[in-house]
Amino acid sequence: MSQTVSEPGRREPRTVAALVVAAGQGLRAGQPVPKQFAPWRGKPVVRHSVEALAAAGCRPIVVVIPADAEGIARAALAGIAGVQFTTGGATRQESVRLGLEVLAGAAPDHVLIHDAARPVVPAAVIGRLLGPLERGSAAIPVLPVADSLAHADRGEHGDIMGAPARREDLRRVQTPQAFRFADILAAHRDWDGPILAGDDAQVARASGLEVAFVEGDEALHKLTYAADFAPSMPLVRVGTGYDVHALEEGEELWLCGVKIAHTHGLSGHSDADVAIHALVDALLGAVGAGDIGQHFPPSDPQWKGAASDRFLAHAGQLVAAAGYMLGNADVTIICEAPKIGPHREAMRGRLAQILGVDIALVSVKATTTEKLGFTGRREGIAAQAAVSLIRV
């Protein structure tokens, strides 16, 4: 299958192949297998970019792999059409040349050369790369350099700062890099530089080809270190909670950590603060820490009559330990009586105090069921809570 994108003055559709370099060992990543085959966000690293290139219409896709890695490579890319494998060489540059030689049989018009360690390949970047090939031989994605730079000179006691470098003149280079196939194949065949090229754009420049810059993307981050394979925690998480307790005479009524004078109180193993219990479940759920019954089982006598603020403080500690802070908490109390309005600000203040947050992050509301159901018959009180958490 070929990608069919019309070019001015050309009747035939252009064909775009892809070459994915996955022949390294990836030792710095600290994985039990080469990092390109290690799991990342639910699938092997190499599969992410190969799927993206296939979805963009690249055919064929040659994946350059280490010697004796065909089994793990085929398993990683099972089910993706148009994929071929070849063994790489001693260096990345040699691996690319060997992959290009395999593609020579298909003779595509263009080729995208990509490092497997960059799993996320936005479709927009592919589109930006192919445009300049209508006019020139090569295009690469780049990003500006934000940090100040300096040349490292060798001093008596180690590296010292040398002449400053102008960051305005520098760019961070990414892959995939796009080339007219015949031109980059010839450039690799003709390479006779004294040192290895850092990437294929350098090979192209050494051959006299003009390389255009297009806007890259931060999503094209290269996985290099063990920290890159740590679980990716979302910026925001949410949780919900719901609880019910029966009303009984002779019991104290605690809601949101505030004791309220009333004819009936809530019955339960602890102080039965139904609103705090719902909020605790929302917090625990947001960080995947189970529910209140797992942490404070009703069968454990130590929690009989316990103040529920202890449960809420514990949930807040688990949120902090998971690397999050409270974005906001919204508690709704469902009952016919007592009236919640007169106590709302005290409730908000107490919840904020227990959690150690500003009162502005806490909302307490109340509603009735229009005398329907067990709350409408004043047999009990229900509460529901929703929270958002923000990664610290």
Protein backbone atom coordinates (compact mmCIF):
# COMPACT_ATOMS: atom_id res chain seq x y z
CA MET A 1 0.00 0.00 0.00
CA SER A 2 1.34 3.44 -0.90
CA GLN A 3 0.58 6.80 0.55
CA THR A 4 -1.07 8.83 -2.20
CA VAL A 5 -0.31 12.49 -1.76
CA SER A 6 -0.27 14.52 -4.96
CA GLU A 7 2.75 16.61 -5.85
CA PRO A 8 2.64 19.61 -8.19
CA GLY A 9 3.58 18.67 -11.75
CA ARG A 10 3.66 14.94 -11.00
CA ARG A 11 1.10 12.45 -12.22
CA GLU A 12 2.15 9.42 -10.20
CA PRO A 13 1.37 9.27 -6.47
CA ARG A 14 4.48 9.26 -4.33
CA THR A 15 5.33 6.24 -2.22
CA VAL A 16 6.55 6.70 1.34
CA ALA A 17 8.42 3.94 3.15
CA ALA A 18 9.70 3.97 6.72
CA LEU A 19 12.85 2.68 8.37
CA VAL A 20 12.76 2.23 12.15
CA VAL A 21 16.13 1.84 13.85
CA ALA A 22 15.71 -0.63 16.72
CA ALA A 23 19.11 -2.33 16.75
CA GLY A 24 20.59 -0.89 19.94
CA GLN A 25 20.86 -2.48 23.36
CA GLY A 26 19.41 0.42 25.41
CA LEU A 27 21.49 -0.40 28.50
CA ARG A 28 20.98 2.97 30.23
CA ALA A 29 17.24 2.36 30.42
CA GLY A 30 17.76 -0.41 32.97
CA GLN A 31 15.26 -2.79 31.34
CA PRO A 32 15.56 -6.61 31.24
CA VAL A 33 15.34 -6.48 27.43
CA PRO A 34 16.59 -3.83 24.96
CA LYS A 35 14.49 -0.76 25.66
CA GLN A 36 12.85 -0.76 22.23
CA PHE A 37 11.12 -4.03 23.16
CA ALA A 38 10.36 -3.11 26.78
CA PRO A 39 6.72 -2.37 27.73
CA TRP A 40 5.75 1.30 27.83
CA ARG A 41 2.19 2.56 28.24
CA GLY A 42 0.74 -0.87 27.65
CA LYS A 43 2.73 -2.08 24.65
CA PRO A 44 6.35 -2.52 23.50
CA VAL A 45 8.14 0.77 22.82
CA VAL A 46 8.80 -0.02 19.15
CA ARG A 47 5.15 -0.84 18.48
CA HIS A 48 4.01 2.71 19.24
CA SER A 49 5.99 4.36 16.44
CA VAL A 50 5.52 1.52 13.93
CA GLU A 51 1.76 1.73 14.41
CA ALA A 52 1.88 5.50 13.89
CA LEU A 53 3.94 5.17 10.71
CA ALA A 54 1.66 2.44 9.39
CA ALA A 55 -1.40 4.59 10.13
CA ALA A 56 0.22 7.41 8.14
CA GLY A 57 0.36 5.11 5.10
CA CYS A 58 4.05 4.17 5.13
CA ARG A 59 4.71 0.93 3.20
CA PRO A 60 6.89 -1.01 3.56
CA ILE A 61 8.26 -0.47 7.05
CA VAL A 62 11.70 -1.95 7.64
CA VAL A 63 12.64 -2.44 11.30
CA VAL A 64 16.35 -2.86 11.95
CA ILE A 65 16.89 -5.14 14.96
CA PRO A 66 19.78 -6.65 16.93
CA ALA A 67 21.16 -10.03 15.97
CA ASP A 68 19.12 -12.93 17.43
CA ALA A 69 16.20 -10.58 18.27
CA GLU A 70 13.79 -11.58 15.50
CA GLY A 71 11.57 -13.58 17.86
CA ILE A 72 10.99 -10.75 20.34
CA ALA A 73 10.69 -8.23 17.48
CA ARG A 74 8.03 -10.25 15.67
CA ALA A 75 6.09 -10.68 18.90
CA ALA A 76 6.29 -6.93 19.59
CA LEU A 77 4.94 -6.02 16.13
CA ALA A 78 2.55 -8.92 15.53
CA GLY A 79 -0.45 -8.02 13.37
CA ILE A 80 0.97 -4.87 11.77
CA ALA A 81 0.91 -5.19 7.99
CA GLY A 82 3.85 -4.29 5.80
CA VAL A 83 6.61 -4.80 8.37
CA GLN A 84 9.95 -6.33 7.40
CA PHE A 85 12.97 -7.08 9.59
CA THR A 86 16.68 -6.92 9.01
CA THR A 87 19.68 -7.22 11.31
CA GLY A 88 21.60 -4.06 12.12
CA GLY A 89 25.30 -3.34 12.19
CA ALA A 90 27.85 -2.27 14.77
CA THR A 91 26.73 1.39 14.68
CA ARG A 92 23.48 3.23 14.12
CA GLN A 93 24.84 4.60 10.85
CA GLU A 94 25.62 1.12 9.57
CA SER A 95 22.20 -0.11 10.71
CA VAL A 96 20.49 2.64 8.72
CA ARG A 97 22.48 1.82 5.59
CA LEU A 98 21.59 -1.86 5.88
CA GLY A 99 17.92 -0.97 6.27
CA LEU A 100 18.03 1.31 3.25
CA GLU A 101 19.55 -1.49 1.18
CA VAL A 102 16.54 -3.65 2.06
CA LEU A 103 14.19 -0.86 0.98
CA ALA A 104 16.05 -0.47 -2.30
CA GLY A 105 14.11 -3.42 -3.64
CA ALA A 106 10.84 -1.53 -3.19
CA ALA A 107 12.38 1.72 -4.52
CA PRO A 108 10.04 4.12 -2.66
CA ASP A 109 10.05 7.78 -3.58
CA HIS A 110 10.51 8.94 0.03
CA VAL A 111 11.56 7.41 3.32
CA LEU A 112 11.06 8.37 6.95
CA ILE A 113 13.97 7.27 9.15
CA HIS A 114 13.02 7.02 12.81
CA ASP A 115 14.55 5.96 16.12
CA ALA A 116 12.43 3.34 17.88
CA ALA A 117 13.22 4.96 21.25
CA ARG A 118 10.89 7.85 20.32
CA PRO A 119 7.56 6.05 20.67
CA VAL A 120 5.15 8.94 20.14
CA VAL A 121 5.01 10.13 16.52
CA PRO A 122 2.34 12.81 15.99
CA ALA A 123 0.66 12.63 12.59
CA ALA A 124 1.04 16.41 12.26
CA VAL A 125 4.83 16.09 12.35
CA ILE A 126 4.77 13.49 9.56
CA GLY A 127 2.66 15.86 7.49
CA ARG A 128 5.06 18.74 8.07
CA LEU A 129 8.04 16.58 7.06
CA LEU A 130 6.62 15.40 3.74
CA GLY A 131 5.75 18.86 2.46
CA PRO A 132 9.34 20.12 1.93
CA LEU A 133 10.23 16.96 -0.06
CA GLU A 134 8.19 18.40 -2.91
CA ARG A 135 10.97 20.98 -3.32
CA GLY A 136 14.09 19.49 -1.74
CA SER A 137 15.80 16.31 -0.67
CA ALA A 138 15.43 16.27 3.12
CA ALA A 139 13.51 17.64 6.09
CA ILE A 140 13.95 17.11 9.83
CA PRO A 141 11.87 18.07 12.89
CA VAL A 142 13.56 20.49 15.28
CA LEU A 143 12.77 22.41 18.45
CA PRO A 144 14.38 25.56 19.85
CA VAL A 145 16.94 25.37 22.65
CA ALA A 146 15.62 27.02 25.83
CA ASP A 147 18.64 26.66 28.12
CA SER A 148 21.87 28.63 28.00
CA LEU A 149 24.72 26.61 26.50
CA ALA A 150 28.47 26.57 27.01
CA HIS A 151 31.39 24.76 25.46
CA ALA A 152 33.22 22.46 27.90
CA ASP A 153 36.99 22.94 27.88
CA ARG A 154 39.33 20.52 29.61
CA GLY A 155 40.87 22.09 32.71
CA GLU A 156 43.40 20.91 35.26
CA HIS A 157 40.68 19.68 37.61
CA GLY A 158 38.03 18.69 35.09
CA ASP A 159 35.80 20.40 32.57
CA ILE A 160 35.57 24.18 32.70
CA MET A 161 33.38 26.64 30.86
CA GLY A 162 34.74 27.70 27.51
CA ALA A 163 33.36 30.07 24.91
CA PRO A 164 29.57 30.51 25.14
CA ALA A 165 27.37 29.08 22.42
CA ARG A 166 24.53 31.11 20.88
CA ARG A 167 21.34 29.19 21.59
CA GLU A 168 19.57 31.29 18.96
CA ASP A 169 21.65 29.49 16.34
CA LEU A 170 21.00 25.99 17.70
CA ARG A 171 18.12 23.52 17.41
CA ARG A 172 17.23 20.24 19.10
CA VAL A 173 16.99 17.60 16.38
CA GLN A 174 14.41 14.82 16.48
CA THR A 175 13.22 11.93 14.33
CA PRO A 176 11.59 10.81 12.10
CA GLN A 177 13.68 12.49 9.43
CA ALA A 178 12.35 12.59 5.87
CA PHE A 179 14.35 12.11 2.69
CA ARG A 180 13.99 11.45 -0.98
CA PHE A 181 14.93 7.80 -0.93
CA ALA A 182 17.43 7.72 -3.79
CA ASP A 183 19.29 10.72 -2.38
CA ILE A 184 19.71 9.41 1.19
CA LEU A 185 20.65 5.92 -0.05
CA ALA A 186 23.38 7.42 -2.23
CA ALA A 187 24.53 9.62 0.65
CA HIS A 188 24.94 6.65 2.97
CA ARG A 189 26.73 4.63 0.31
CA ASP A 190 29.13 7.51 -0.34
CA TRP A 191 29.82 8.41 3.30
CA ASP A 192 33.54 8.59 4.01
CA GLY A 193 33.61 10.93 7.00
CA PRO A 194 36.37 10.44 9.58
CA ILE A 195 33.82 10.10 12.40
CA LEU A 196 30.38 8.62 12.72
CA ALA A 197 27.45 10.86 11.88
CA GLY A 198 25.11 11.75 14.73
CA ASP A 199 22.05 11.28 12.54
CA ASP A 200 20.99 10.88 8.94
CA ALA A 201 20.67 14.61 8.39
CA GLN A 202 24.44 14.90 8.91
CA VAL A 203 24.99 12.20 6.30
CA ALA A 204 22.73 14.11 3.93
CA ARG A 205 24.56 17.41 4.51
CA ALA A 206 27.94 15.74 3.98
CA SER A 207 26.66 14.63 0.59
CA GLY A 208 25.70 18.18 -0.32
CA LEU A 209 21.97 17.78 0.23
CA GLU A 210 19.95 20.69 1.61
CA VAL A 211 18.09 19.84 4.83
CA ALA A 212 14.96 21.81 5.67
CA PHE A 213 13.77 22.41 9.23
CA VAL A 214 10.15 21.81 10.23
CA GLU A 215 8.56 22.26 13.63
CA GLY A 216 9.06 19.24 15.88
CA ASP A 217 7.04 18.22 18.91
CA GLU A 218 7.88 17.71 22.59
CA ALA A 219 5.92 14.45 22.37
CA LEU A 220 8.83 13.04 20.32
CA HIS A 221 10.82 12.67 23.53
CA LYS A 222 13.46 9.94 23.38
CA LEU A 223 13.28 7.24 26.07
CA THR A 224 16.79 6.94 27.49
CA TYR A 225 16.89 6.36 31.23
CA ALA A 226 15.12 4.10 33.73
CA ALA A 227 13.03 7.07 34.90
CA ASP A 228 11.50 7.25 31.41
CA PHE A 229 9.92 3.85 32.05
CA ALA A 230 8.45 4.74 35.42
CA PRO A 231 4.64 4.64 35.47
CA SER A 232 3.33 7.76 33.80
CA MET A 233 1.08 9.48 36.32
CA PRO A 234 -1.66 11.72 34.93
CA LEU A 235 -1.71 15.41 35.74
CA VAL A 236 -5.25 15.19 37.12
CA ARG A 237 -7.14 12.33 38.75
CA VAL A 238 -10.75 12.21 39.96
CA GLY A 239 -12.64 10.08 42.45
CA THR A 240 -16.19 9.67 43.71
CA GLY A 241 -17.64 8.31 46.91
CA TYR A 242 -21.07 7.45 48.30
CA ASP A 243 -22.23 6.35 51.76
CA VAL A 244 -25.42 5.80 53.75
CA HIS A 245 -26.09 5.50 57.49
CA ALA A 246 -29.33 4.96 59.39
CA LEU A 247 -30.78 7.55 61.77
CA GLU A 248 -31.45 6.36 65.30
CA GLU A 249 -32.50 7.96 68.55
CA GLY A 250 -29.83 8.27 71.18
CA GLU A 251 -26.95 8.60 68.69
CA GLU A 252 -24.80 11.69 68.10
CA LEU A 253 -25.05 13.33 64.69
CA TRP A 254 -21.69 14.12 63.09
CA LEU A 255 -21.55 15.54 59.57
CA CYS A 256 -18.33 16.76 57.92
CA GLY A 257 -16.58 16.60 61.29
CA VAL A 258 -19.12 18.92 62.95
CA LYS A 259 -21.42 17.77 65.77
CA ILE A 260 -24.99 18.88 65.13
CA ALA A 261 -27.80 18.96 67.67
CA HIS A 262 -30.70 16.85 66.39
CA THR A 263 -33.38 14.46 67.59
CA HIS A 264 -31.58 11.53 65.93
CA GLY A 265 -27.99 10.61 65.14
CA LEU A 266 -26.32 8.32 62.65
CA SER A 267 -25.66 4.71 63.53
CA GLY A 268 -22.43 2.99 62.55
CA HIS A 269 -19.28 1.30 63.77
CA SER A 270 -17.38 4.61 64.00
CA ASP A 271 -19.03 7.97 64.59
CA ALA A 272 -20.91 7.27 61.32
CA ASP A 273 -20.05 10.63 59.73
CA VAL A 274 -21.61 9.76 56.40
CA ALA A 275 -20.26 12.85 54.62
CA ILE A 276 -16.64 12.23 55.64
CA HIS A 277 -16.97 8.55 54.72
CA ALA A 278 -18.10 9.49 51.20
CA LEU A 279 -15.21 11.96 50.91
CA VAL A 280 -12.69 9.37 52.13
CA ASP A 281 -13.88 6.92 49.48
CA ALA A 282 -13.57 9.61 46.80
CA LEU A 283 -9.96 10.36 47.80
CA LEU A 284 -8.99 6.70 48.03
CA GLY A 285 -10.60 5.96 44.70
CA ALA A 286 -8.78 8.81 42.99
CA VAL A 287 -5.38 7.31 43.86
CA GLY A 288 -6.45 3.70 43.36
CA ALA A 289 -6.16 2.89 47.08
CA GLY A 290 -9.32 0.87 47.56
CA ASP A 291 -12.13 1.99 49.85
CA ILE A 292 -12.69 2.96 53.46
CA GLY A 293 -13.65 -0.59 54.48
CA GLN A 294 -10.24 -1.92 53.41
CA HIS A 295 -8.36 0.61 55.54
CA PHE A 296 -10.75 0.71 58.51
CA PRO A 297 -12.74 -2.54 58.54
CA PRO A 298 -15.90 -2.46 60.68
CA SER A 299 -14.91 -5.84 62.08
CA ASP A 300 -11.89 -4.28 63.82
CA PRO A 301 -12.91 -3.19 67.35
CA GLN A 302 -10.34 -0.37 67.41
CA TRP A 303 -12.56 1.67 65.07
CA LYS A 304 -15.71 1.35 67.21
CA GLY A 305 -16.87 4.88 67.92
CA ALA A 306 -13.74 6.35 66.26
CA ALA A 307 -13.83 9.91 65.01
CA SER A 308 -14.03 9.91 61.22
CA ASP A 309 -11.56 12.77 60.95
CA ARG A 310 -8.88 10.11 61.48
CA PHE A 311 -10.07 8.34 58.34
CA LEU A 312 -10.01 11.56 56.34
CA ALA A 313 -6.54 12.52 57.54
CA HIS A 314 -5.28 9.07 56.54
CA ALA A 315 -6.78 9.41 53.07
CA GLY A 316 -5.14 12.83 52.71
CA GLN A 317 -1.78 11.31 53.61
CA LEU A 318 -2.20 8.62 50.96
CA VAL A 319 -2.99 11.29 48.37
CA ALA A 320 0.22 13.15 49.25
CA ALA A 321 2.25 9.92 49.21
CA ALA A 322 0.99 9.22 45.69
CA GLY A 323 2.36 12.60 44.56
CA TYR A 324 -0.89 14.55 44.40
CA MET A 325 -2.60 17.47 46.08
CA LEU A 326 -6.28 18.28 46.35
CA GLY A 327 -7.67 20.24 43.43
CA ASN A 328 -11.15 20.49 44.91
CA ALA A 329 -13.65 18.46 46.93
CA ASP A 330 -17.42 18.63 46.49
CA VAL A 331 -19.65 16.96 49.11
CA THR A 332 -23.43 16.64 48.83
CA ILE A 333 -25.49 15.63 51.88
CA ILE A 334 -28.90 14.10 51.12
CA CYS A 335 -31.46 14.38 53.93
CA GLU A 336 -34.79 15.91 54.95
CA ALA A 337 -33.43 17.07 58.29
CA PRO A 338 -31.53 18.66 59.87
CA LYS A 339 -31.07 21.81 57.80
CA ILE A 340 -27.47 21.89 56.52
CA GLY A 341 -27.34 25.56 55.52
CA PRO A 342 -26.64 26.96 59.02
CA HIS A 343 -23.70 24.58 59.42
CA ARG A 344 -22.26 24.71 55.90
CA GLU A 345 -19.35 27.08 56.54
CA ALA A 346 -18.34 25.26 59.73
CA MET A 347 -18.38 21.99 57.76
CA ARG A 348 -16.26 23.42 54.97
CA GLY A 349 -13.80 24.80 57.48
CA ARG A 350 -13.49 21.54 59.37
CA LEU A 351 -12.92 19.46 56.22
CA ALA A 352 -10.31 21.95 55.01
CA GLN A 353 -8.59 21.84 58.41
CA ILE A 354 -8.39 18.04 58.43
CA LEU A 355 -7.01 17.93 54.90
CA GLY A 356 -4.69 20.90 55.40
CA VAL A 357 -6.04 22.86 52.42
CA ASP A 358 -7.62 26.23 51.81
CA ILE A 359 -11.35 26.35 52.50
CA ALA A 360 -11.86 27.63 48.96
CA LEU A 361 -11.10 24.10 47.70
CA VAL A 362 -13.97 22.53 49.65
CA SER A 363 -17.66 22.68 48.82
CA VAL A 364 -20.51 21.32 50.95
CA LYS A 365 -24.04 21.21 49.56
CA ALA A 366 -27.34 19.66 50.63
CA THR A 367 -30.43 18.41 48.89
CA THR A 368 -33.56 16.37 49.65
CA THR A 369 -35.30 13.58 47.79
CA GLU A 370 -38.67 15.34 48.01
CA LYS A 371 -39.72 12.93 50.79
CA LEU A 372 -39.10 9.91 48.57
CA GLY A 373 -37.11 6.86 49.64
CA PHE A 374 -35.37 6.15 52.95
CA THR A 375 -33.95 9.68 53.21
CA GLY A 376 -37.37 11.13 52.42
CA ARG A 377 -38.87 9.03 55.22
CA ARG A 378 -36.08 10.30 57.55
CA GLU A 379 -34.78 6.78 58.08
CA GLY A 380 -31.23 7.72 57.21
CA ILE A 381 -28.84 10.20 55.60
CA ALA A 382 -26.84 9.68 52.40
CA ALA A 383 -23.84 11.58 51.08
CA GLN A 384 -21.88 11.63 47.88
CA ALA A 385 -18.53 13.25 47.16
CA ALA A 386 -16.37 14.04 44.17
CA VAL A 387 -12.74 15.13 44.22
CA SER A 388 -10.08 16.17 41.76
CA LEU A 389 -6.39 15.71 42.49
CA ILE A 390 -3.49 17.53 40.83
CA ARG A 391 -0.07 15.97 40.38
CA VAL A 392 2.54 17.78 42.47
